[in-house]
Amino acid sequence: MSLEQFSAFTFRKAIASDANSIWGIIKEAIDKRKSEGSSQWQDGYPNLEVVKTDIEKGNGYISLNNEGKLTGYLALIYDGEPAYEAIADQWLTNRPFSVVHRIAVSQENYAKGQATWMLKKAEEQSLQDGFLSIKVDTNFDNTGMLRVLEKLGYVYCGEVYFRGSARKAFEKKLDA
């Protein structure tokens, strides 16, 4: 996997003035999921208020291409995820972990491999902040995200439930 094309990209915390641009990228992702026949993100979540809350809490991260255009977004969260406490199977670890939610990449400024690069950057940030495990979940039909998780060595741990729907949950030990 070569991610050299992203060497000129920037990964940084989102700021309040990024919110509307982030929302534009998330809307593109919502439309893409719908066109693929998925029910993921078709219920009014996420929305602009969720993005603003991510930013206010310091959880929002963006990617910028070499021209300074916003190309992606994710939320990197360190205060847990209540839905993960009721996992149907078993996590790899019980230690403190980070969580990635709401990964979205620009369709207008699309760069193949960007979600992989962003998740790698989230792993690096998690390690830097002292978290040795990262957890993530996605819809059963989100084949793109499932490929990214497999490629990066995330281990399927079971199902979690959000807003009444089952989702596939994964974990990766960052110190192994």
N, C-alpha and C. Protein backbone atom coordinates (compact mmCIF):
# COMPACT_ATOMS: atom_id res chain seq x y z
N MET A 1 0.85 -1.17 0.00
CA MET A 1 0.00 0.00 0.00
C MET A 1 0.89 1.23 0.00
N SER A 2 0.79 2.03 -1.02
CA SER A 2 1.59 3.24 -1.12
C SER A 2 0.72 4.46 -0.85
N LEU A 3 1.09 5.18 0.17
CA LEU A 3 0.36 6.39 0.51
C LEU A 3 1.22 7.63 0.26
N GLU A 4 2.26 7.47 -0.56
CA GLU A 4 3.18 8.58 -0.85
C GLU A 4 2.46 9.79 -1.44
N GLN A 5 1.39 9.54 -2.20
CA GLN A 5 0.67 10.65 -2.83
C GLN A 5 0.12 11.64 -1.82
N PHE A 6 0.06 11.23 -0.55
CA PHE A 6 -0.49 12.10 0.50
C PHE A 6 0.60 12.84 1.28
N SER A 7 1.85 12.73 0.83
CA SER A 7 2.94 13.37 1.57
C SER A 7 2.77 14.89 1.67
N ALA A 8 2.10 15.50 0.72
CA ALA A 8 1.87 16.95 0.75
C ALA A 8 0.54 17.31 1.40
N PHE A 9 -0.23 16.31 1.85
CA PHE A 9 -1.50 16.57 2.51
C PHE A 9 -1.24 16.93 3.98
N THR A 10 -2.21 17.60 4.58
CA THR A 10 -2.14 17.98 5.98
C THR A 10 -3.30 17.32 6.72
N PHE A 11 -3.03 16.84 7.93
CA PHE A 11 -4.05 16.28 8.82
C PHE A 11 -4.00 17.12 10.08
N ARG A 12 -5.10 17.80 10.40
CA ARG A 12 -5.09 18.67 11.58
C ARG A 12 -6.47 18.71 12.23
N LYS A 13 -6.47 19.25 13.47
CA LYS A 13 -7.75 19.45 14.15
C LYS A 13 -8.59 20.45 13.38
N ALA A 14 -9.87 20.16 13.32
CA ALA A 14 -10.81 21.08 12.68
C ALA A 14 -11.05 22.27 13.60
N ILE A 15 -11.33 23.42 12.99
CA ILE A 15 -11.70 24.62 13.74
C ILE A 15 -13.10 25.05 13.31
N ALA A 16 -13.69 25.93 14.09
CA ALA A 16 -15.09 26.31 13.86
C ALA A 16 -15.35 26.75 12.42
N SER A 17 -14.42 27.47 11.82
CA SER A 17 -14.65 27.96 10.46
C SER A 17 -14.63 26.85 9.41
N ASP A 18 -14.22 25.63 9.79
CA ASP A 18 -14.23 24.48 8.88
C ASP A 18 -15.59 23.79 8.81
N ALA A 19 -16.48 24.09 9.75
CA ALA A 19 -17.71 23.30 9.93
C ALA A 19 -18.55 23.19 8.65
N ASN A 20 -18.81 24.29 7.98
CA ASN A 20 -19.67 24.22 6.79
C ASN A 20 -19.02 23.43 5.66
N SER A 21 -17.72 23.56 5.48
CA SER A 21 -17.03 22.77 4.46
C SER A 21 -17.05 21.29 4.80
N ILE A 22 -16.86 20.98 6.07
CA ILE A 22 -16.93 19.58 6.53
C ILE A 22 -18.33 19.04 6.23
N TRP A 23 -19.35 19.83 6.57
CA TRP A 23 -20.73 19.40 6.35
C TRP A 23 -20.96 19.13 4.87
N GLY A 24 -20.37 19.93 3.99
CA GLY A 24 -20.48 19.68 2.55
C GLY A 24 -19.92 18.33 2.16
N ILE A 25 -18.79 17.95 2.74
CA ILE A 25 -18.18 16.64 2.45
C ILE A 25 -19.05 15.52 3.01
N ILE A 26 -19.58 15.71 4.20
CA ILE A 26 -20.44 14.68 4.78
C ILE A 26 -21.71 14.52 3.94
N LYS A 27 -22.27 15.62 3.45
CA LYS A 27 -23.45 15.51 2.58
C LYS A 27 -23.12 14.72 1.31
N GLU A 28 -21.93 14.93 0.76
CA GLU A 28 -21.50 14.13 -0.40
C GLU A 28 -21.47 12.64 -0.04
N ALA A 29 -20.94 12.33 1.15
CA ALA A 29 -20.88 10.93 1.61
C ALA A 29 -22.28 10.36 1.82
N ILE A 30 -23.18 11.16 2.37
CA ILE A 30 -24.56 10.72 2.57
C ILE A 30 -25.19 10.38 1.21
N ASP A 31 -25.00 11.24 0.24
CA ASP A 31 -25.54 11.00 -1.10
C ASP A 31 -24.91 9.76 -1.74
N LYS A 32 -23.61 9.58 -1.54
CA LYS A 32 -22.93 8.42 -2.11
C LYS A 32 -23.47 7.13 -1.49
N ARG A 33 -23.64 7.12 -0.18
CA ARG A 33 -24.17 5.92 0.50
C ARG A 33 -25.59 5.62 -0.03
N LYS A 34 -26.39 6.66 -0.21
CA LYS A 34 -27.75 6.46 -0.72
C LYS A 34 -27.73 5.88 -2.13
N SER A 35 -26.87 6.43 -3.00
CA SER A 35 -26.80 5.95 -4.39
C SER A 35 -26.31 4.50 -4.46
N GLU A 36 -25.57 4.06 -3.42
CA GLU A 36 -25.11 2.67 -3.35
C GLU A 36 -26.16 1.75 -2.74
N GLY A 37 -27.30 2.32 -2.36
CA GLY A 37 -28.38 1.51 -1.80
C GLY A 37 -28.28 1.26 -0.31
N SER A 38 -27.44 2.02 0.37
CA SER A 38 -27.23 1.82 1.80
C SER A 38 -28.21 2.65 2.62
N SER A 39 -28.53 2.16 3.79
CA SER A 39 -29.35 2.93 4.73
C SER A 39 -28.47 3.75 5.68
N GLN A 40 -27.16 3.54 5.62
CA GLN A 40 -26.24 4.26 6.50
C GLN A 40 -26.32 5.75 6.24
N TRP A 41 -26.47 6.53 7.31
CA TRP A 41 -26.50 7.99 7.29
C TRP A 41 -27.71 8.53 6.53
N GLN A 42 -28.79 7.78 6.45
CA GLN A 42 -29.98 8.24 5.73
C GLN A 42 -31.09 8.68 6.68
N ASP A 43 -30.76 8.85 7.96
CA ASP A 43 -31.78 9.16 8.97
C ASP A 43 -31.58 10.53 9.63
N GLY A 44 -30.85 11.42 8.96
CA GLY A 44 -30.61 12.74 9.54
C GLY A 44 -29.36 12.82 10.40
N TYR A 45 -28.63 11.72 10.49
CA TYR A 45 -27.37 11.67 11.23
C TYR A 45 -26.30 11.14 10.30
N PRO A 46 -25.13 11.74 10.31
CA PRO A 46 -24.75 12.93 11.06
C PRO A 46 -25.32 14.19 10.40
N ASN A 47 -25.21 15.28 11.13
CA ASN A 47 -25.69 16.56 10.62
C ASN A 47 -24.72 17.66 11.03
N LEU A 48 -25.02 18.88 10.62
CA LEU A 48 -24.11 20.00 10.90
C LEU A 48 -23.90 20.20 12.40
N GLU A 49 -24.92 19.99 13.20
CA GLU A 49 -24.77 20.15 14.66
C GLU A 49 -23.81 19.13 15.24
N VAL A 50 -23.84 17.90 14.72
CA VAL A 50 -22.90 16.87 15.17
C VAL A 50 -21.47 17.30 14.85
N VAL A 51 -21.27 17.83 13.66
CA VAL A 51 -19.95 18.31 13.25
C VAL A 51 -19.48 19.44 14.17
N LYS A 52 -20.37 20.39 14.43
CA LYS A 52 -20.00 21.51 15.31
C LYS A 52 -19.65 21.02 16.71
N THR A 53 -20.39 20.04 17.20
CA THR A 53 -20.09 19.47 18.52
C THR A 53 -18.74 18.76 18.51
N ASP A 54 -18.46 18.00 17.45
CA ASP A 54 -17.14 17.36 17.33
C ASP A 54 -16.04 18.41 17.45
N ILE A 55 -16.18 19.49 16.72
CA ILE A 55 -15.16 20.54 16.71
C ILE A 55 -15.04 21.19 18.09
N GLU A 56 -16.17 21.52 18.71
CA GLU A 56 -16.15 22.14 20.04
C GLU A 56 -15.45 21.27 21.07
N LYS A 57 -15.63 19.95 20.96
CA LYS A 57 -15.00 19.02 21.90
C LYS A 57 -13.56 18.70 21.54
N GLY A 58 -13.09 19.20 20.39
CA GLY A 58 -11.71 18.92 19.96
C GLY A 58 -11.57 17.56 19.30
N ASN A 59 -12.67 16.96 18.84
CA ASN A 59 -12.65 15.63 18.25
C ASN A 59 -12.60 15.63 16.73
N GLY A 60 -12.84 16.75 16.09
CA GLY A 60 -12.88 16.80 14.63
C GLY A 60 -11.50 16.97 14.02
N TYR A 61 -11.23 16.21 12.98
CA TYR A 61 -9.95 16.30 12.24
C TYR A 61 -10.26 16.37 10.76
N ILE A 62 -9.49 17.17 10.06
CA ILE A 62 -9.67 17.30 8.61
C ILE A 62 -8.37 16.98 7.88
N SER A 63 -8.52 16.69 6.60
CA SER A 63 -7.37 16.58 5.72
C SER A 63 -7.49 17.67 4.67
N LEU A 64 -6.34 18.20 4.31
CA LEU A 64 -6.25 19.23 3.29
C LEU A 64 -5.26 18.76 2.23
N ASN A 65 -5.60 18.96 0.96
CA ASN A 65 -4.67 18.56 -0.10
C ASN A 65 -3.57 19.62 -0.25
N ASN A 66 -2.65 19.39 -1.20
CA ASN A 66 -1.52 20.30 -1.36
C ASN A 66 -1.94 21.69 -1.85
N GLU A 67 -3.19 21.83 -2.27
CA GLU A 67 -3.72 23.15 -2.66
C GLU A 67 -4.48 23.81 -1.52
N GLY A 68 -4.51 23.14 -0.36
CA GLY A 68 -5.20 23.68 0.79
C GLY A 68 -6.69 23.45 0.80
N LYS A 69 -7.17 22.58 -0.10
CA LYS A 69 -8.61 22.29 -0.16
C LYS A 69 -8.95 21.16 0.82
N LEU A 70 -10.06 21.34 1.53
CA LEU A 70 -10.51 20.33 2.48
C LEU A 70 -10.95 19.08 1.71
N THR A 71 -10.37 17.93 2.05
CA THR A 71 -10.63 16.71 1.30
C THR A 71 -11.21 15.58 2.14
N GLY A 72 -11.25 15.74 3.46
CA GLY A 72 -11.78 14.66 4.28
C GLY A 72 -11.99 15.08 5.72
N TYR A 73 -12.73 14.24 6.42
CA TYR A 73 -13.08 14.51 7.81
C TYR A 73 -13.22 13.20 8.58
N LEU A 74 -12.85 13.25 9.85
CA LEU A 74 -13.18 12.17 10.78
C LEU A 74 -13.22 12.73 12.18
N ALA A 75 -13.93 12.03 13.04
CA ALA A 75 -13.97 12.36 14.47
C ALA A 75 -13.12 11.33 15.19
N LEU A 76 -12.17 11.82 16.00
CA LEU A 76 -11.30 10.96 16.81
C LEU A 76 -11.63 11.28 18.26
N ILE A 77 -12.19 10.29 18.95
CA ILE A 77 -12.79 10.51 20.26
C ILE A 77 -12.05 9.69 21.32
N TYR A 78 -11.77 10.35 22.46
CA TYR A 78 -11.01 9.70 23.53
C TYR A 78 -11.83 9.43 24.79
N ASP A 79 -13.08 9.81 24.82
CA ASP A 79 -13.85 9.63 26.05
C ASP A 79 -14.83 8.46 25.97
N GLY A 80 -14.48 7.45 25.16
CA GLY A 80 -15.26 6.22 25.11
C GLY A 80 -16.42 6.28 24.13
N GLU A 81 -17.15 5.19 24.10
CA GLU A 81 -18.33 5.06 23.24
C GLU A 81 -19.30 4.14 23.95
N PRO A 82 -20.37 4.68 24.55
CA PRO A 82 -21.30 3.85 25.32
C PRO A 82 -21.83 2.62 24.56
N ALA A 83 -22.07 2.75 23.28
CA ALA A 83 -22.59 1.61 22.51
C ALA A 83 -21.61 0.44 22.48
N TYR A 84 -20.33 0.72 22.68
CA TYR A 84 -19.32 -0.35 22.62
C TYR A 84 -19.31 -1.21 23.88
N GLU A 85 -19.98 -0.76 24.93
CA GLU A 85 -20.01 -1.54 26.17
C GLU A 85 -20.86 -2.80 26.04
N ALA A 86 -21.78 -2.81 25.10
CA ALA A 86 -22.72 -3.94 24.95
C ALA A 86 -22.40 -4.78 23.71
N ILE A 87 -21.14 -4.88 23.35
CA ILE A 87 -20.78 -5.62 22.15
C ILE A 87 -21.22 -7.08 22.26
N ALA A 88 -21.72 -7.60 21.17
CA ALA A 88 -22.24 -8.96 21.16
C ALA A 88 -21.13 -9.99 21.37
N ASP A 89 -19.94 -9.71 20.92
CA ASP A 89 -18.83 -10.66 21.07
C ASP A 89 -17.79 -10.11 22.03
N GLN A 90 -16.57 -9.94 21.60
CA GLN A 90 -15.52 -9.55 22.54
C GLN A 90 -14.50 -8.64 21.88
N TRP A 91 -14.13 -7.56 22.56
CA TRP A 91 -13.06 -6.70 22.08
C TRP A 91 -11.71 -7.39 22.28
N LEU A 92 -10.71 -6.93 21.58
CA LEU A 92 -9.36 -7.48 21.74
C LEU A 92 -8.75 -7.08 23.08
N THR A 93 -9.06 -5.86 23.53
CA THR A 93 -8.47 -5.35 24.78
C THR A 93 -9.54 -4.68 25.62
N ASN A 94 -9.22 -4.47 26.87
CA ASN A 94 -10.09 -3.71 27.78
C ASN A 94 -9.41 -2.43 28.23
N ARG A 95 -8.32 -2.07 27.60
CA ARG A 95 -7.57 -0.88 27.99
C ARG A 95 -8.21 0.38 27.39
N PRO A 96 -7.78 1.55 27.83
CA PRO A 96 -8.31 2.79 27.24
C PRO A 96 -8.08 2.80 25.72
N PHE A 97 -9.07 3.32 25.01
CA PHE A 97 -9.02 3.27 23.55
C PHE A 97 -9.54 4.57 22.97
N SER A 98 -9.17 4.80 21.72
CA SER A 98 -9.76 5.91 20.96
C SER A 98 -10.80 5.30 20.02
N VAL A 99 -11.68 6.16 19.55
CA VAL A 99 -12.76 5.74 18.65
C VAL A 99 -12.74 6.65 17.43
N VAL A 100 -12.90 6.08 16.25
CA VAL A 100 -13.06 6.87 15.04
C VAL A 100 -14.50 6.74 14.58
N HIS A 101 -15.11 7.88 14.33
CA HIS A 101 -16.47 7.96 13.80
C HIS A 101 -16.48 8.94 12.62
N ARG A 102 -17.50 8.85 11.80
CA ARG A 102 -17.83 9.83 10.78
C ARG A 102 -16.71 10.09 9.77
N ILE A 103 -16.09 9.05 9.26
CA ILE A 103 -15.09 9.24 8.21
C ILE A 103 -15.82 9.57 6.91
N ALA A 104 -15.41 10.66 6.29
CA ALA A 104 -15.99 11.06 5.00
C ALA A 104 -14.90 11.71 4.17
N VAL A 105 -14.87 11.38 2.89
CA VAL A 105 -13.90 11.99 1.97
C VAL A 105 -14.64 12.73 0.87
N SER A 106 -14.02 13.78 0.41
CA SER A 106 -14.60 14.60 -0.65
C SER A 106 -14.74 13.81 -1.94
N GLN A 107 -15.88 13.94 -2.57
CA GLN A 107 -16.07 13.36 -3.90
C GLN A 107 -15.60 14.35 -4.96
N GLU A 108 -15.69 15.63 -4.64
CA GLU A 108 -15.26 16.67 -5.57
C GLU A 108 -13.73 16.71 -5.70
N ASN A 109 -13.03 16.58 -4.57
CA ASN A 109 -11.56 16.58 -4.54
C ASN A 109 -11.08 15.19 -4.14
N TYR A 110 -11.61 14.17 -4.81
CA TYR A 110 -11.37 12.78 -4.44
C TYR A 110 -9.93 12.37 -4.70
N ALA A 111 -9.37 11.64 -3.74
CA ALA A 111 -8.04 11.06 -3.88
C ALA A 111 -8.13 9.61 -3.43
N LYS A 112 -7.92 8.67 -4.32
CA LYS A 112 -8.00 7.25 -3.99
C LYS A 112 -7.03 6.92 -2.87
N GLY A 113 -7.52 6.24 -1.85
CA GLY A 113 -6.69 5.86 -0.71
C GLY A 113 -6.76 6.84 0.45
N GLN A 114 -7.53 7.89 0.29
CA GLN A 114 -7.54 8.91 1.33
C GLN A 114 -8.11 8.42 2.66
N ALA A 115 -9.17 7.63 2.64
CA ALA A 115 -9.72 7.14 3.90
C ALA A 115 -8.68 6.29 4.63
N THR A 116 -7.91 5.51 3.89
CA THR A 116 -6.83 4.71 4.49
C THR A 116 -5.81 5.64 5.13
N TRP A 117 -5.38 6.66 4.39
CA TRP A 117 -4.39 7.60 4.90
C TRP A 117 -4.90 8.30 6.16
N MET A 118 -6.16 8.75 6.13
CA MET A 118 -6.72 9.44 7.29
C MET A 118 -6.80 8.53 8.51
N LEU A 119 -7.16 7.29 8.31
CA LEU A 119 -7.23 6.36 9.44
C LEU A 119 -5.83 6.10 10.00
N LYS A 120 -4.83 6.00 9.12
CA LYS A 120 -3.44 5.86 9.58
C LYS A 120 -3.03 7.08 10.41
N LYS A 121 -3.42 8.27 9.96
CA LYS A 121 -3.10 9.49 10.71
C LYS A 121 -3.81 9.49 12.07
N ALA A 122 -5.05 8.99 12.12
CA ALA A 122 -5.78 8.89 13.39
C ALA A 122 -5.07 7.90 14.32
N GLU A 123 -4.53 6.81 13.78
CA GLU A 123 -3.77 5.86 14.59
C GLU A 123 -2.54 6.55 15.17
N GLU A 124 -1.81 7.29 14.34
CA GLU A 124 -0.61 8.00 14.81
C GLU A 124 -0.97 9.00 15.90
N GLN A 125 -2.06 9.74 15.71
CA GLN A 125 -2.50 10.72 16.70
C GLN A 125 -2.89 10.03 18.01
N SER A 126 -3.57 8.89 17.90
CA SER A 126 -3.96 8.14 19.09
C SER A 126 -2.73 7.69 19.88
N LEU A 127 -1.76 7.15 19.19
CA LEU A 127 -0.51 6.73 19.85
C LEU A 127 0.17 7.92 20.51
N GLN A 128 0.25 9.02 19.79
CA GLN A 128 0.89 10.23 20.33
C GLN A 128 0.19 10.69 21.60
N ASP A 129 -1.13 10.50 21.66
CA ASP A 129 -1.92 10.91 22.82
C ASP A 129 -2.02 9.83 23.89
N GLY A 130 -1.27 8.73 23.71
CA GLY A 130 -1.17 7.70 24.74
C GLY A 130 -2.22 6.59 24.69
N PHE A 131 -2.92 6.46 23.58
CA PHE A 131 -3.93 5.41 23.45
C PHE A 131 -3.37 4.30 22.56
N LEU A 132 -3.37 3.07 23.10
CA LEU A 132 -2.73 1.94 22.42
C LEU A 132 -3.71 1.05 21.68
N SER A 133 -4.96 1.49 21.59
CA SER A 133 -5.98 0.71 20.90
C SER A 133 -6.96 1.69 20.26
N ILE A 134 -7.46 1.29 19.09
CA ILE A 134 -8.43 2.15 18.39
C ILE A 134 -9.60 1.26 17.95
N LYS A 135 -10.81 1.77 18.13
CA LYS A 135 -12.01 1.02 17.78
C LYS A 135 -12.83 1.82 16.77
N VAL A 136 -13.53 1.10 15.91
CA VAL A 136 -14.33 1.73 14.87
C VAL A 136 -15.47 0.79 14.51
N ASP A 137 -16.55 1.35 13.99
CA ASP A 137 -17.65 0.51 13.52
C ASP A 137 -18.15 1.05 12.20
N THR A 138 -18.83 0.19 11.44
CA THR A 138 -19.40 0.61 10.16
C THR A 138 -20.57 -0.28 9.81
N ASN A 139 -21.36 0.17 8.87
CA ASN A 139 -22.49 -0.63 8.37
C ASN A 139 -21.99 -1.90 7.69
N PHE A 140 -22.81 -2.93 7.71
CA PHE A 140 -22.49 -4.19 7.06
C PHE A 140 -22.29 -4.02 5.56
N ASP A 141 -22.96 -3.02 4.97
CA ASP A 141 -22.90 -2.85 3.52
C ASP A 141 -21.93 -1.76 3.06
N ASN A 142 -21.11 -1.25 3.97
CA ASN A 142 -20.15 -0.21 3.60
C ASN A 142 -18.85 -0.88 3.14
N THR A 143 -18.89 -1.41 1.92
CA THR A 143 -17.77 -2.22 1.43
C THR A 143 -16.46 -1.43 1.35
N GLY A 144 -16.53 -0.15 1.02
CA GLY A 144 -15.31 0.65 0.97
C GLY A 144 -14.62 0.73 2.31
N MET A 145 -15.38 1.03 3.35
CA MET A 145 -14.80 1.13 4.69
C MET A 145 -14.35 -0.24 5.19
N LEU A 146 -15.11 -1.28 4.89
CA LEU A 146 -14.71 -2.63 5.30
C LEU A 146 -13.36 -3.01 4.67
N ARG A 147 -13.14 -2.62 3.42
CA ARG A 147 -11.85 -2.88 2.76
C ARG A 147 -10.71 -2.13 3.45
N VAL A 148 -10.96 -0.87 3.79
CA VAL A 148 -9.94 -0.06 4.47
C VAL A 148 -9.56 -0.71 5.80
N LEU A 149 -10.55 -1.12 6.58
CA LEU A 149 -10.29 -1.73 7.88
C LEU A 149 -9.50 -3.02 7.73
N GLU A 150 -9.85 -3.83 6.74
CA GLU A 150 -9.12 -5.08 6.51
C GLU A 150 -7.67 -4.78 6.10
N LYS A 151 -7.50 -3.84 5.20
CA LYS A 151 -6.18 -3.48 4.70
C LYS A 151 -5.25 -3.02 5.83
N LEU A 152 -5.82 -2.31 6.81
CA LEU A 152 -5.02 -1.76 7.90
C LEU A 152 -4.90 -2.70 9.10
N GLY A 153 -5.45 -3.91 9.00
CA GLY A 153 -5.27 -4.89 10.06
C GLY A 153 -6.22 -4.79 11.23
N TYR A 154 -7.37 -4.16 11.03
CA TYR A 154 -8.38 -4.13 12.09
C TYR A 154 -9.02 -5.51 12.21
N VAL A 155 -9.33 -5.90 13.44
CA VAL A 155 -9.89 -7.22 13.71
C VAL A 155 -11.38 -7.07 14.03
N TYR A 156 -12.20 -7.87 13.34
CA TYR A 156 -13.64 -7.88 13.59
C TYR A 156 -13.89 -8.45 14.98
N CYS A 157 -14.67 -7.73 15.79
CA CYS A 157 -14.90 -8.13 17.18
C CYS A 157 -16.36 -8.43 17.48
N GLY A 158 -17.28 -8.17 16.57
CA GLY A 158 -18.69 -8.44 16.82
C GLY A 158 -19.55 -7.28 16.36
N GLU A 159 -20.76 -7.24 16.91
CA GLU A 159 -21.73 -6.21 16.53
C GLU A 159 -21.99 -5.24 17.66
N VAL A 160 -22.18 -3.98 17.28
CA VAL A 160 -22.66 -2.96 18.21
C VAL A 160 -23.93 -2.38 17.59
N TYR A 161 -24.69 -1.66 18.40
CA TYR A 161 -25.97 -1.13 17.92
C TYR A 161 -26.02 0.38 18.11
N PHE A 162 -26.34 1.08 17.02
CA PHE A 162 -26.52 2.52 17.04
C PHE A 162 -27.88 2.84 16.45
N ARG A 163 -28.64 3.65 17.16
CA ARG A 163 -29.94 4.08 16.67
C ARG A 163 -30.76 2.92 16.12
N GLY A 164 -30.72 1.78 16.82
CA GLY A 164 -31.54 0.63 16.47
C GLY A 164 -30.99 -0.29 15.40
N SER A 165 -29.79 -0.02 14.88
CA SER A 165 -29.23 -0.85 13.81
C SER A 165 -27.91 -1.49 14.24
N ALA A 166 -27.73 -2.73 13.81
CA ALA A 166 -26.48 -3.43 14.08
C ALA A 166 -25.40 -2.92 13.14
N ARG A 167 -24.18 -2.85 13.67
CA ARG A 167 -23.03 -2.42 12.89
C ARG A 167 -21.86 -3.32 13.23
N LYS A 168 -20.97 -3.51 12.27
CA LYS A 168 -19.77 -4.31 12.49
C LYS A 168 -18.74 -3.48 13.26
N ALA A 169 -18.19 -4.06 14.31
CA ALA A 169 -17.22 -3.36 15.16
C ALA A 169 -15.84 -3.99 15.03
N PHE A 170 -14.83 -3.14 15.01
CA PHE A 170 -13.45 -3.57 14.81
C PHE A 170 -12.54 -2.89 15.82
N GLU A 171 -11.42 -3.55 16.10
CA GLU A 171 -10.40 -2.97 16.97
C GLU A 171 -9.03 -3.26 16.39
N LYS A 172 -8.10 -2.36 16.65
CA LYS A 172 -6.71 -2.57 16.27
C LYS A 172 -5.83 -2.16 17.44
N LYS A 173 -4.94 -3.07 17.83
CA LYS A 173 -3.93 -2.75 18.85
C LYS A 173 -2.86 -1.93 18.15
N LEU A 174 -2.54 -0.80 18.72
CA LEU A 174 -1.59 0.10 18.08
C LEU A 174 -0.15 -0.11 18.54
N ASP A 175 0.06 -0.96 19.52
CA ASP A 175 1.41 -1.20 20.03
C ASP A 175 1.97 -2.54 19.60
N ALA A 176 1.26 -3.22 18.72
CA ALA A 176 1.72 -4.57 18.32
C ALA A 176 2.42 -4.51 16.97
